[in-house]
Amino acid sequence: MFLKKVGDKVVREFNLINEKGQTFSLMDIKNYCLLTEPSGLGYNYSSEYEQIENSFISNVRKIEQGQINGIVNFANYDNYTKLVDFIEGSETLKFQYIIPQKEKTLEFYKDIQIQGLSKTQIQTTGVLSETITFDCLSLWYKENNVVYLGDETENEIRWDFEWDSRFTDYENRNLVFENKGHVEAPFLLEMNGYVLNPKIQVYVNKQKIYELALTLTVEEGEKLMYSTKDNDLFLYLVHANNTQENLFNYLDLNNINFFKLPKGVSEVKVSGENEILNTRLTIFEEYVAV
């Protein structure tokens, strides 16, 4: 990973990333722009209290929506236009925050959308400096990915996570995950066909706490998509022609259909009535501040 340096010192890094995986650097004034004076990287709660004699009891406490503010500095007007085109040409945006630590770097993200970008004049220094404001749509989160791959002659598991996890059962694709975040962790499950009657279950201390079981077939060339992020809840089947079928009618209305992984250690079981050959599980470990 490339990290920005000032002299011999590694510094934190900011980027914008869109749904296509394209990146706009907020650290390169020559080719993109340089973000200075960033604020809003922390968090606030709003609380209401009930007074009982000389004591106060909190009866409403919730996290407030955040805003990221700062100054974006451009070497020329072309780069200003490049940023506007990147933002307006993106359906969704993530704010990436890379933090260097003693032995490794950590990457965190926030889902955001633009609120405002000012436009004034080039300053006497020759640098165009403008204020920018992003509305935060999520907490900070880490993206933890586990990929199951295999075929009839060769079975393989590949992963690219750094969190405390271990596989307990290769055949049934079971995974023990420790959620060290501040809240329950949403996830995205992607299962490529062929899968007969797909199922995902969550266990804590060997007790099942959540389950989504579907009576359907994911054919070869199709993909089951299941997201439990608050701002992006969905369950649908992507057909071979890339059309999407909403699977709302397959949900059990007497059950919790969209759930998250609890804080602490849990076991995730992904299965079907046949061997699971190609599945990706992305867990969004969320933090109120990083």
Protein backbone atom coordinates (compact mmCIF):
# COMPACT_ATOMS: atom_id res chain seq x y z
CA MET A 1 0.00 0.00 0.00
CA PHE A 2 1.32 3.48 -0.85
CA LEU A 3 1.34 5.92 2.04
CA LYS A 4 2.13 9.62 1.90
CA LYS A 5 5.30 10.83 3.63
CA VAL A 6 6.43 14.17 4.99
CA GLY A 7 10.20 13.82 5.24
CA ASP A 8 10.73 10.44 6.90
CA LYS A 9 7.35 10.47 8.63
CA VAL A 10 4.37 8.50 7.32
CA VAL A 11 1.17 10.55 7.55
CA ARG A 12 -2.50 9.66 7.43
CA GLU A 13 -4.15 9.56 4.02
CA PHE A 14 -7.61 10.49 2.67
CA ASN A 15 -9.27 9.33 -0.56
CA LEU A 16 -12.69 9.22 -2.19
CA ILE A 17 -13.79 5.88 -3.66
CA ASN A 18 -16.88 5.29 -5.78
CA GLU A 19 -18.99 2.21 -6.48
CA LYS A 20 -16.76 1.28 -9.45
CA GLY A 21 -13.70 1.12 -7.19
CA GLN A 22 -12.25 4.28 -8.74
CA THR A 23 -10.20 6.47 -6.40
CA PHE A 24 -9.81 10.25 -6.22
CA SER A 25 -6.83 11.22 -4.08
CA LEU A 26 -7.24 13.96 -1.48
CA MET A 27 -3.46 13.98 -0.96
CA ASP A 28 -2.12 14.98 -4.41
CA ILE A 29 -2.43 18.71 -5.14
CA LYS A 30 -0.68 18.41 -8.51
CA ASN A 31 -2.91 15.77 -10.12
CA TYR A 32 -6.01 15.78 -7.88
CA CYS A 33 -6.33 17.91 -4.73
CA LEU A 34 -4.99 18.25 -1.19
CA LEU A 35 -7.41 18.12 1.75
CA THR A 36 -6.34 20.35 4.66
CA GLU A 37 -7.95 21.29 7.98
CA PRO A 38 -10.22 18.20 8.04
CA SER A 39 -12.82 18.17 10.81
CA GLY A 40 -15.76 15.98 11.75
CA LEU A 41 -13.72 12.79 12.00
CA GLY A 42 -14.98 12.15 15.55
CA TYR A 43 -18.53 11.68 16.83
CA ASN A 44 -21.29 13.16 18.98
CA TYR A 45 -24.32 11.81 20.82
CA SER A 46 -27.62 13.57 21.33
CA SER A 47 -29.19 12.78 24.72
CA GLU A 48 -32.36 13.54 26.63
CA TYR A 49 -32.62 13.13 30.39
CA GLU A 50 -35.37 12.67 32.93
CA GLN A 51 -34.84 14.30 36.31
CA ILE A 52 -35.64 12.29 39.43
CA GLU A 53 -35.05 14.61 42.38
CA ASN A 54 -31.34 15.42 42.17
CA SER A 55 -30.41 12.71 39.69
CA PHE A 56 -30.67 12.63 35.90
CA ILE A 57 -31.42 9.45 33.95
CA SER A 58 -30.79 9.24 30.22
CA ASN A 59 -33.93 8.06 28.43
CA VAL A 60 -32.89 8.91 24.84
CA ARG A 61 -29.33 8.57 23.59
CA LYS A 62 -28.43 8.21 19.93
CA ILE A 63 -25.49 8.91 17.68
CA GLU A 64 -25.76 12.13 15.67
CA GLN A 65 -25.22 12.23 11.93
CA GLY A 66 -21.68 13.37 11.22
CA GLN A 67 -20.24 15.82 8.74
CA ILE A 68 -16.73 15.86 7.31
CA ASN A 69 -15.49 19.35 6.50
CA GLY A 70 -12.23 20.68 5.17
CA ILE A 71 -10.37 22.75 2.62
CA VAL A 72 -9.58 21.22 -0.78
CA ASN A 73 -6.62 22.83 -2.52
CA PHE A 74 -6.06 22.62 -6.28
CA ALA A 75 -3.06 23.56 -8.42
CA ASN A 76 -5.41 24.60 -11.25
CA TYR A 77 -9.06 24.90 -12.27
CA ASP A 78 -8.87 21.67 -14.28
CA ASN A 79 -8.38 19.64 -11.09
CA TYR A 80 -11.35 21.41 -9.47
CA THR A 81 -13.49 20.32 -12.43
CA LYS A 82 -12.01 16.81 -12.19
CA LEU A 83 -13.25 16.52 -8.58
CA VAL A 84 -16.74 17.78 -9.48
CA ASP A 85 -16.93 15.31 -12.38
CA PHE A 86 -15.81 12.46 -10.13
CA ILE A 87 -18.43 13.24 -7.48
CA GLU A 88 -21.30 13.82 -9.91
CA GLY A 89 -20.34 10.79 -12.01
CA SER A 90 -20.53 8.47 -8.99
CA GLU A 91 -23.68 6.80 -7.71
CA THR A 92 -22.19 6.19 -4.25
CA LEU A 93 -19.11 7.52 -2.45
CA LYS A 94 -16.91 6.28 0.37
CA PHE A 95 -14.46 8.42 2.33
CA GLN A 96 -11.31 6.37 2.94
CA TYR A 97 -9.16 7.13 6.00
CA ILE A 98 -5.79 5.33 6.16
CA ILE A 99 -4.14 5.51 9.58
CA PRO A 100 -0.48 4.49 10.05
CA GLN A 101 0.35 2.66 13.26
CA LYS A 102 3.67 1.39 14.59
CA GLU A 103 3.56 -2.01 12.91
CA LYS A 104 0.77 -1.75 10.31
CA THR A 105 -1.73 0.55 8.67
CA LEU A 106 -5.49 0.44 9.17
CA GLU A 107 -8.09 1.37 6.54
CA PHE A 108 -11.49 2.73 7.54
CA TYR A 109 -14.41 3.96 5.43
CA LYS A 110 -17.53 6.10 5.78
CA ASP A 111 -20.40 6.15 3.31
CA ILE A 112 -20.88 9.80 2.37
CA GLN A 113 -22.57 12.17 -0.02
CA ILE A 114 -21.56 15.68 -1.03
CA GLN A 115 -23.34 18.56 0.66
CA GLY A 116 -21.38 21.45 -0.78
CA LEU A 117 -18.22 22.59 -2.54
CA SER A 118 -17.51 26.31 -2.75
CA LYS A 119 -16.08 28.12 -5.80
CA THR A 120 -14.21 31.39 -5.42
CA GLN A 121 -11.04 32.62 -7.10
CA ILE A 122 -7.40 31.56 -7.32
CA GLN A 123 -5.55 33.00 -4.34
CA THR A 124 -2.42 35.12 -4.58
CA THR A 125 -0.35 31.97 -3.96
CA GLY A 126 -1.65 30.52 -7.23
CA VAL A 127 -3.54 27.75 -5.40
CA LEU A 128 -7.31 27.43 -5.59
CA SER A 129 -8.60 26.66 -2.06
CA GLU A 130 -12.26 25.84 -1.46
CA THR A 131 -14.38 24.54 1.39
CA ILE A 132 -16.00 21.12 1.07
CA THR A 133 -18.64 19.36 3.19
CA PHE A 134 -19.70 15.72 3.14
CA ASP A 135 -22.74 14.31 4.97
CA CYS A 136 -21.93 11.00 6.67
CA LEU A 137 -24.32 8.13 5.94
CA SER A 138 -22.66 5.52 8.17
CA LEU A 139 -20.24 4.96 11.03
CA TRP A 140 -16.59 4.25 10.30
CA TYR A 141 -16.15 0.65 9.18
CA LYS A 142 -13.53 -1.87 8.13
CA GLU A 143 -14.27 -4.18 5.20
CA ASN A 144 -13.35 -7.76 6.16
CA ASN A 145 -13.57 -10.21 3.26
CA VAL A 146 -13.56 -13.99 3.17
CA VAL A 147 -13.78 -15.85 -0.15
CA TYR A 148 -14.64 -19.53 -0.56
CA LEU A 149 -13.54 -21.02 -3.89
CA GLY A 150 -13.52 -24.57 -5.22
CA ASP A 151 -14.61 -27.02 -7.90
CA GLU A 152 -15.22 -30.75 -8.20
CA THR A 153 -11.52 -31.60 -8.43
CA GLU A 154 -9.87 -28.91 -6.36
CA ASN A 155 -11.03 -27.22 -3.17
CA GLU A 156 -9.47 -24.01 -1.96
CA ILE A 157 -10.20 -21.31 0.58
CA ARG A 158 -8.66 -17.88 0.14
CA TRP A 159 -9.01 -14.93 2.47
CA ASP A 160 -7.69 -11.39 2.86
CA PHE A 161 -8.75 -10.40 6.38
CA GLU A 162 -6.65 -9.37 9.36
CA TRP A 163 -9.23 -9.82 12.11
CA ASP A 164 -9.29 -12.70 14.58
CA SER A 165 -11.03 -15.49 12.71
CA ARG A 166 -10.66 -19.18 12.05
CA PHE A 167 -12.34 -21.82 9.96
CA THR A 168 -14.06 -24.59 11.90
CA ASP A 169 -15.61 -26.66 9.12
CA TYR A 170 -14.33 -26.55 5.56
CA GLU A 171 -17.12 -28.53 3.94
CA ASN A 172 -19.97 -26.42 5.35
CA ARG A 173 -18.11 -23.09 5.12
CA ASN A 174 -18.26 -22.24 8.83
CA LEU A 175 -16.32 -19.28 10.16
CA VAL A 176 -15.65 -17.97 13.65
CA PHE A 177 -15.51 -14.17 13.68
CA GLU A 178 -14.65 -11.77 16.49
CA ASN A 179 -16.39 -8.44 16.08
CA LYS A 180 -14.19 -5.89 17.84
CA GLY A 181 -16.28 -2.96 16.60
CA HIS A 182 -18.45 -0.70 18.74
CA VAL A 183 -21.78 -2.00 17.38
CA GLU A 184 -23.20 -5.07 15.65
CA ALA A 185 -21.61 -5.71 12.25
CA PRO A 186 -23.68 -5.78 9.05
CA PHE A 187 -22.48 -7.90 6.14
CA LEU A 188 -22.87 -8.64 2.43
CA LEU A 189 -23.23 -12.27 1.30
CA GLU A 190 -22.68 -13.17 -2.37
CA MET A 191 -23.32 -16.80 -3.39
CA ASN A 192 -22.68 -17.92 -6.95
CA GLY A 193 -24.65 -20.83 -8.34
CA TYR A 194 -25.18 -23.68 -8.41
CA VAL A 195 -26.68 -23.59 -4.86
CA LEU A 196 -29.77 -25.51 -3.75
CA ASN A 197 -31.73 -23.96 -0.87
CA PRO A 198 -29.07 -21.54 0.42
CA LYS A 199 -28.85 -20.79 4.14
CA ILE A 200 -26.87 -18.55 6.47
CA GLN A 201 -26.93 -19.01 10.25
CA VAL A 202 -25.29 -17.20 13.17
CA TYR A 203 -24.41 -18.99 16.43
CA VAL A 204 -23.19 -17.64 19.78
CA ASN A 205 -21.95 -20.18 22.34
CA LYS A 206 -23.33 -22.95 20.10
CA GLN A 207 -26.83 -21.42 20.26
CA LYS A 208 -28.42 -20.32 16.99
CA ILE A 209 -29.49 -16.68 17.22
CA TYR A 210 -30.22 -15.85 13.55
CA GLU A 211 -31.07 -17.71 10.37
CA LEU A 212 -32.04 -16.92 6.81
CA ALA A 213 -33.13 -20.07 4.95
CA LEU A 214 -34.40 -19.82 1.36
CA THR A 215 -36.24 -22.48 -0.60
CA LEU A 216 -34.94 -21.74 -4.06
CA THR A 217 -32.21 -22.69 -6.50
CA VAL A 218 -29.37 -20.40 -7.56
CA GLU A 219 -28.51 -21.72 -11.01
CA GLU A 220 -25.07 -21.67 -12.61
CA GLY A 221 -24.37 -18.17 -13.88
CA GLU A 222 -26.65 -16.65 -11.20
CA LYS A 223 -25.77 -14.97 -7.91
CA LEU A 224 -27.62 -14.53 -4.62
CA MET A 225 -27.03 -11.09 -3.04
CA TYR A 226 -27.94 -10.41 0.60
CA SER A 227 -27.02 -7.16 2.38
CA THR A 228 -27.83 -6.19 5.98
CA LYS A 229 -26.37 -2.67 5.95
CA ASP A 230 -28.89 -0.18 7.37
CA ASN A 231 -28.71 2.13 4.36
CA ASP A 232 -28.56 -0.71 1.82
CA LEU A 233 -30.86 -3.58 2.85
CA PHE A 234 -31.62 -6.00 0.02
CA LEU A 235 -32.10 -9.64 -0.95
CA TYR A 236 -32.18 -10.46 -4.62
CA LEU A 237 -31.15 -12.93 -7.26
CA VAL A 238 -29.00 -11.72 -10.16
CA HIS A 239 -29.84 -13.76 -13.25
CA ALA A 240 -27.39 -14.69 -15.99
CA ASN A 241 -28.62 -11.78 -18.12
CA ASN A 242 -27.77 -9.42 -15.21
CA THR A 243 -31.39 -8.65 -14.33
CA GLN A 244 -32.28 -8.58 -10.63
CA GLU A 245 -35.19 -10.41 -9.02
CA ASN A 246 -36.34 -9.15 -5.61
CA LEU A 247 -36.73 -12.12 -3.27
CA PHE A 248 -39.07 -10.44 -0.78
CA ASN A 249 -41.68 -13.18 -1.27
CA TYR A 250 -39.17 -15.78 -0.05
CA LEU A 251 -38.72 -14.12 3.35
CA ASP A 252 -40.18 -15.58 6.52
CA LEU A 253 -42.29 -12.72 7.86
CA ASN A 254 -42.36 -14.36 11.30
CA ASN A 255 -38.58 -14.26 11.54
CA ILE A 256 -35.80 -11.66 11.67
CA ASN A 257 -34.74 -11.55 8.03
CA PHE A 258 -32.05 -8.85 8.14
CA PHE A 259 -29.63 -9.35 11.00
CA LYS A 260 -26.07 -8.40 11.96
CA LEU A 261 -23.19 -10.13 13.68
CA PRO A 262 -23.13 -9.39 17.42
CA LYS A 263 -20.23 -7.80 19.27
CA GLY A 264 -17.71 -10.38 20.40
CA VAL A 265 -17.30 -13.90 19.02
CA SER A 266 -19.88 -15.61 16.81
CA GLU A 267 -19.91 -18.46 14.31
CA VAL A 268 -21.22 -17.90 10.78
CA LYS A 269 -22.45 -20.94 8.85
CA VAL A 270 -23.04 -20.63 5.10
CA SER A 271 -24.57 -23.73 3.53
CA GLY A 272 -26.81 -25.29 0.92
CA GLU A 273 -28.01 -28.79 0.10
CA ASN A 274 -24.97 -29.14 -2.14
CA GLU A 275 -21.32 -28.18 -1.72
CA ILE A 276 -20.76 -24.41 -1.61
CA LEU A 277 -18.20 -23.65 -4.31
CA ASN A 278 -18.00 -19.89 -4.78
CA THR A 279 -19.11 -17.51 -2.04
CA ARG A 280 -17.90 -14.16 -0.70
CA LEU A 281 -18.76 -12.79 2.74
CA THR A 282 -17.91 -9.13 3.42
CA ILE A 283 -18.28 -8.06 7.06
CA PHE A 284 -18.46 -4.35 7.88
CA GLU A 285 -16.94 -3.95 11.33
CA GLU A 286 -18.25 -0.56 12.53
CA TYR A 287 -16.75 2.03 14.89
CA VAL A 288 -18.12 5.32 16.18
CA ALA A 289 -14.58 6.76 16.13
CA VAL A 290 -11.17 5.54 14.96
